[in-house]
Protein backbone atom coordinates (compact mmCIF):
# COMPACT_ATOMS: atom_id res chain seq x y z
CA GLY A 1 -2.69 35.76 -39.70
CA SER A 2 -4.73 33.87 -42.25
CA THR A 3 -4.49 30.78 -44.40
CA PRO A 4 -3.12 31.18 -47.92
CA GLN A 5 -6.23 29.59 -49.39
CA GLU A 6 -8.32 32.55 -48.20
CA HIS A 7 -6.42 35.19 -50.15
CA ALA A 8 -3.66 33.63 -52.33
CA LEU A 9 -2.04 36.98 -53.06
CA GLY A 10 1.53 37.14 -54.30
CA ALA A 11 4.56 38.66 -52.63
CA MET A 12 7.65 40.29 -54.14
CA VAL A 13 10.92 40.05 -52.20
CA THR A 14 13.31 42.68 -53.54
CA THR A 15 14.78 46.12 -52.79
CA CYS A 16 13.41 49.59 -53.48
CA GLU A 17 16.14 50.13 -56.06
CA GLU A 18 15.15 46.98 -57.95
CA LEU A 19 11.45 47.71 -57.50
CA ARG A 20 11.89 51.01 -59.34
CA VAL A 21 13.14 48.99 -62.33
CA LEU A 22 10.59 46.18 -62.11
CA ARG A 23 7.59 48.36 -61.24
CA PRO A 24 8.40 51.98 -62.20
CA GLU A 25 4.78 53.00 -61.58
CA VAL A 26 5.08 52.27 -57.83
CA GLU A 27 6.06 55.08 -55.45
CA GLY A 28 6.65 55.48 -51.72
CA CYS A 29 8.87 52.41 -51.29
CA ARG A 30 10.94 51.97 -48.13
CA ASN A 31 13.51 49.26 -47.41
CA ASP A 32 12.51 48.97 -43.74
CA ARG A 33 8.83 48.03 -44.02
CA ALA A 34 6.56 45.69 -45.94
CA ALA A 35 3.59 47.25 -47.71
CA TRP A 36 0.96 46.39 -50.28
CA ILE A 37 1.18 47.53 -53.88
CA PRO A 38 -2.45 48.37 -54.79
CA ALA A 39 -4.22 46.72 -57.70
CA ALA A 40 -4.48 48.40 -61.08
CA ALA A 41 -7.52 50.43 -61.95
CA GLY A 42 -10.36 48.18 -63.06
CA PHE A 43 -8.98 45.11 -61.29
CA GLU A 44 -11.31 43.51 -58.78
CA GLU A 45 -9.28 44.07 -55.64
CA ARG A 46 -9.73 42.07 -52.47
CA VAL A 47 -8.91 43.97 -49.29
CA PRO A 48 -5.21 43.21 -48.51
CA LEU A 49 -4.34 42.00 -45.03
CA GLN A 50 -2.89 44.39 -42.48
CA GLY A 51 -1.01 43.67 -39.29
CA ILE A 52 0.74 40.28 -38.99
CA VAL A 53 0.76 38.40 -42.31
CA ASP A 54 1.93 34.80 -42.83
CA LEU A 55 4.17 34.09 -45.82
CA PHE A 56 4.06 30.52 -47.14
CA SER A 57 6.21 28.57 -49.55
CA THR A 58 4.89 28.03 -53.07
CA ASP A 59 5.57 24.29 -52.76
CA PHE A 60 2.13 22.70 -52.33
CA ASP A 61 1.98 19.75 -49.94
CA GLU A 62 -0.45 17.24 -51.52
CA SER A 63 -0.54 15.02 -48.43
CA SER A 64 -1.78 17.79 -46.15
CA GLY A 65 -3.70 19.70 -48.80
CA GLY A 66 -1.93 22.95 -47.94
CA PHE A 67 1.35 24.78 -47.93
CA GLY A 68 2.59 23.68 -44.51
CA ASP A 69 3.90 26.07 -41.87
CA PRO A 70 4.58 29.70 -42.75
CA VAL A 71 8.16 30.50 -43.69
CA LEU A 72 7.98 34.02 -42.29
CA GLN A 73 5.62 36.29 -40.38
CA LEU A 74 5.78 40.01 -41.07
CA GLU A 75 3.93 43.04 -39.83
CA VAL A 76 2.52 44.87 -42.83
CA SER A 77 2.10 48.63 -42.75
CA GLU A 78 -1.37 50.12 -42.97
CA ASP A 79 -0.08 52.64 -45.51
CA ASP A 80 -0.12 51.10 -48.98
CA LEU A 81 2.36 52.10 -51.65
CA SER A 82 1.06 54.42 -54.35
CA ARG A 83 1.14 53.83 -58.07
CA VAL A 84 0.76 56.08 -61.07
CA PRO A 85 -1.54 55.08 -63.97
CA VAL A 86 0.11 53.08 -66.77
CA PRO A 87 -1.31 51.47 -69.93
CA ALA A 88 -2.87 48.07 -69.28
CA TRP A 89 -0.42 46.28 -71.61
CA GLN A 90 2.51 47.73 -69.66
CA ASP A 91 1.25 46.70 -66.20
CA THR A 92 3.51 43.83 -65.10
CA ASP A 93 1.28 42.82 -62.15
CA PRO A 94 -2.23 44.35 -61.98
CA ALA A 95 -3.24 42.34 -58.87
CA PRO A 96 -2.45 43.47 -55.31
CA THR A 97 1.12 42.46 -54.46
CA LEU A 98 2.92 42.49 -51.13
CA PHE A 99 6.31 44.21 -51.35
CA ILE A 100 8.81 42.70 -48.88
CA PRO A 101 12.20 44.40 -48.48
CA ARG A 102 15.05 41.95 -48.99
CA ALA A 103 16.67 43.20 -45.77
CA LEU A 104 13.76 41.74 -43.74
CA VAL A 105 14.31 38.20 -45.06
CA THR A 106 17.25 35.99 -44.14
CA GLU A 107 19.10 33.95 -46.73
CA GLU A 108 17.64 30.71 -45.37
CA GLN A 109 14.08 32.06 -45.37
CA PHE A 110 14.49 33.41 -48.90
CA TRP A 111 15.31 30.01 -50.36
CA GLN A 112 12.54 28.33 -48.35
CA PHE A 113 9.89 30.16 -50.36
CA GLY A 114 10.30 27.55 -53.10
CA ASP A 115 9.63 28.86 -56.59
CA VAL A 116 11.94 31.86 -56.62
CA SER A 117 12.10 33.74 -59.92
CA ALA A 118 13.64 36.99 -61.08
CA ARG A 119 13.00 39.44 -63.89
CA VAL A 120 16.02 40.79 -65.79
CA ASN A 121 15.60 44.06 -67.71
CA ALA A 122 18.20 44.82 -70.39
CA GLY A 123 18.50 46.34 -73.82
CA PRO A 124 18.09 43.91 -76.76
CA ARG A 125 21.36 42.53 -78.11
CA PRO A 126 22.26 39.25 -79.86
CA ASP A 127 24.66 38.01 -77.15
CA PHE A 128 22.29 38.61 -74.22
CA PRO A 129 21.10 34.96 -73.87
CA ALA A 130 24.74 33.80 -73.79
CA GLU A 131 25.55 36.41 -71.14
CA LEU A 132 22.75 35.13 -68.92
CA GLN A 133 23.87 31.53 -69.31
CA ALA A 134 27.47 32.48 -68.51
CA ALA A 135 26.22 34.10 -65.30
CA GLY A 136 24.47 30.87 -64.31
CA ILE A 137 20.96 32.21 -65.03
CA ASP A 138 18.54 29.79 -66.71
CA ALA A 139 16.39 32.36 -68.48
CA HIS A 140 13.51 32.26 -70.95
CA ILE A 141 13.32 35.47 -72.97
CA GLY A 142 11.24 34.47 -76.00
CA TRP A 143 13.88 35.89 -78.38
CA THR A 144 16.93 34.30 -79.96
CA ALA A 145 20.14 35.72 -81.38
CA GLU A 146 18.78 35.13 -84.89
CA ASP A 147 15.79 37.38 -84.12
CA PHE A 148 18.11 40.27 -83.28
CA ALA A 149 20.47 39.75 -86.23
CA PRO A 150 18.60 41.94 -88.82
CA TYR A 151 18.22 44.83 -86.38
CA GLN A 152 21.85 44.59 -85.26
CA ALA A 153 23.00 44.55 -88.90
CA THR A 154 21.03 47.75 -89.59
CA ILE A 155 22.47 49.45 -86.50
CA ASP A 156 26.03 48.41 -87.42
CA THR A 157 25.58 49.69 -90.99
CA ILE A 158 24.36 53.09 -89.81
CA ARG A 159 27.26 53.38 -87.38
CA LEU A 160 29.74 52.42 -90.11
CA LEU A 161 28.33 55.05 -92.48
CA ASN A 162 28.61 57.66 -89.74
CA LEU A 163 32.26 56.76 -89.17
CA VAL A 164 33.03 56.86 -92.91
CA VAL A 165 31.43 60.29 -93.37
CA LEU A 166 33.20 61.62 -90.27
CA ALA A 167 36.56 60.19 -91.36
CA VAL A 168 36.25 61.64 -94.90
CA GLY A 169 35.33 65.08 -93.55
CA LEU A 170 38.09 65.18 -90.97
CA GLY A 171 40.61 63.79 -93.48
CA ALA A 172 39.80 66.49 -96.03
CA PHE A 173 40.12 69.17 -93.36
CA LEU A 174 43.47 67.68 -92.24
CA LEU A 175 44.88 67.84 -95.78
CA GLY A 176 43.70 71.42 -96.21
CA MET A 177 45.15 72.57 -92.89
CA ALA A 178 48.44 70.73 -93.54
CA ASP A 179 48.81 72.52 -96.89
CA LEU A 180 47.99 75.85 -95.22
CA ALA A 181 50.54 75.23 -92.46
CA MET A 182 53.26 74.49 -95.03
CA GLY A 183 52.49 77.72 -96.84
CA ARG A 184 52.71 79.79 -93.65
CA ARG A 185 56.23 78.79 -92.67
CA GLN A 186 57.61 82.05 -94.09
CA GLU A 187 55.00 84.08 -92.21
CA HIS A 188 55.80 82.27 -88.95
CA ALA A 189 59.54 82.89 -89.52
CA ARG A 190 58.90 86.63 -89.96
CA LEU A 191 56.81 86.78 -86.78
CA ARG A 192 59.46 84.90 -84.78
CA LEU A 193 62.18 87.31 -86.02
CA LEU A 194 60.01 90.16 -84.76
CA GLY A 195 60.00 88.54 -81.30
CA THR A 196 56.68 86.72 -81.29
CA PRO A 197 56.87 83.78 -78.83
CA VAL A 198 56.41 80.30 -80.28
CA GLY A 199 53.66 79.62 -77.70
CA VAL A 200 51.58 82.48 -79.08
CA LEU A 201 51.92 81.12 -82.62
CA ARG A 202 50.90 77.66 -81.46
CA ARG A 203 47.82 78.92 -79.58
CA ALA A 204 46.77 81.01 -82.58
CA HIS A 205 47.12 77.98 -84.83
CA TRP A 206 45.12 75.76 -82.45
CA LEU A 207 42.36 78.36 -82.34
CA GLU A 208 42.36 78.66 -86.13
CA VAL A 209 42.06 74.90 -86.56
CA ALA A 210 39.80 73.91 -83.66
CA LEU A 211 37.23 76.71 -83.92
CA PRO A 212 35.97 75.88 -87.44
CA LEU A 213 35.87 72.16 -86.59
CA VAL A 214 33.95 72.66 -83.35
CA VAL A 215 31.49 75.15 -84.87
CA GLY A 216 31.02 73.23 -88.12
CA GLY A 217 30.89 69.82 -86.43
CA GLY A 218 28.48 71.06 -83.77
CA ALA A 219 26.18 72.55 -86.40
CA ALA A 220 26.24 69.34 -88.44
CA LEU A 221 25.49 67.18 -85.40
CA GLY A 222 22.70 69.52 -84.29
CA ILE A 223 21.03 69.49 -87.70
CA GLY A 224 21.39 65.72 -87.96
CA HIS A 225 19.88 65.25 -84.50
CA LEU A 226 16.90 67.46 -85.39
CA VAL A 227 16.29 65.41 -88.53
CA ALA A 228 16.47 62.17 -86.53
CA VAL A 229 14.07 63.53 -83.89
CA ALA A 230 11.62 64.59 -86.61
CA PHE A 231 11.82 61.10 -88.12
CA VAL A 232 11.09 59.46 -84.74
CA ASP A 233 8.23 61.88 -84.03
CA THR A 234 6.70 61.01 -87.40
CA GLY A 235 6.73 57.34 -86.42
CA ASN A 236 5.09 58.19 -83.08
CA ARG A 237 1.99 59.66 -84.71
CA GLY A 238 -1.10 57.68 -83.86
CA MET A 239 0.69 55.56 -81.26
CA GLU A 240 -0.64 55.01 -77.75
CA PRO A 241 1.08 57.15 -75.07
CA GLY A 242 2.74 54.12 -73.53
CA MET A 243 4.31 53.05 -76.85
CA VAL A 244 5.78 56.42 -77.83
CA THR A 245 9.58 56.40 -78.19
CA HIS A 246 11.99 59.30 -77.79
CA LEU A 247 15.47 60.02 -79.13
CA GLY A 248 17.48 61.47 -76.27
CA ALA A 249 20.48 63.77 -76.44
CA GLU A 250 22.66 60.91 -75.14
CA SER A 251 22.73 59.56 -78.71
CA LEU A 252 25.08 62.45 -79.58
CA THR A 253 27.73 61.43 -77.05
CA GLY A 254 29.76 59.28 -79.45
CA PRO A 255 29.73 61.73 -82.41
CA VAL A 256 30.56 64.70 -80.16
CA LEU A 257 33.55 62.86 -78.69
CA ALA A 258 34.67 61.85 -82.19
CA VAL A 259 34.52 65.45 -83.48
CA ALA A 260 36.34 66.79 -80.41
CA GLY A 261 39.02 64.09 -80.67
CA GLY A 262 39.45 64.70 -84.40
CA ALA A 263 39.86 68.44 -83.84
CA VAL A 264 42.58 67.84 -81.24
CA VAL A 265 44.46 65.35 -83.46
CA ILE A 266 44.32 67.62 -86.52
CA ALA A 267 45.46 70.67 -84.55
CA LEU A 268 48.30 68.66 -83.01
CA LEU A 269 49.51 67.22 -86.32
CA THR A 270 49.44 70.52 -88.21
CA SER A 271 51.25 72.41 -85.43
CA ILE A 272 54.29 70.13 -85.27
CA GLY A 273 56.61 72.34 -87.34
CA ILE A 274 55.71 75.68 -85.78
CA GLY A 275 58.46 75.60 -83.14
CA ALA A 276 61.17 74.11 -85.39
CA PRO A 277 64.53 75.92 -85.61
CA LEU A 278 64.60 78.62 -88.30
CA ARG A 279 66.52 77.68 -91.43
CA PRO A 280 68.61 80.22 -93.42
CA ASP A 281 66.23 80.11 -96.40
CA HIS A 282 63.30 81.00 -94.12
CA ILE A 283 65.25 83.95 -92.71
CA ARG A 284 66.23 85.22 -96.19
CA ARG A 285 62.64 85.07 -97.44
CA ALA A 286 61.30 86.78 -94.28
């Protein structure tokens, strides 16, 4: 072991799953052994300790001039974790850090370390500070709900416009298909008199309605996504690799579900009268 004054290197008590979120550049993590996370390139690294390492509380004892007795003693592996290069601004901890699996620390030992802090990663949203407070987390994020308000208003406006355009398009198609279905009642009556099953007429109608919506909606969504990707790529020009953003295909999930749901609803509504009993006037005209 050694005294904390000789090295004063930090330790991170967490799990491999959480470490992948906090430090995505670190690889080779295992939940059954403690290991050092090497320093970033260009950082003056002191040789980390191997073997038995003493872990002290962060509460400094002014009377003794030290940190008191160690809270925990762990055997640290000789094999350090590996890390991939990341931009300097994105490196959350460039100094050597000891990774300690949470499973190796008891609840009592964990709270004896003193200054225990946690990092919460989440997407920006106006109600996030309130969510943290409701969960009993006293957090400092540097952003307020007012800071997010203009961005949230822009996002909500774009989503509303998308819904309006989608609703107008599907509504126009519904009116057209309803008018077509009314005009085909005589044709359906003639086919039924010839022995055509009602199920065949319904399936043909569903195919006639759904196919244009799926093909046309898919083409519109694909073209719109390509335009959005081109817009994002234009904004990425001249940016550092670590600051480049990407528009993933997951952004199409909502519109695709809306188009598919609209196609089903329109096909269902316009096929209601296909299996209705034949009236005498339909038979006479057939």
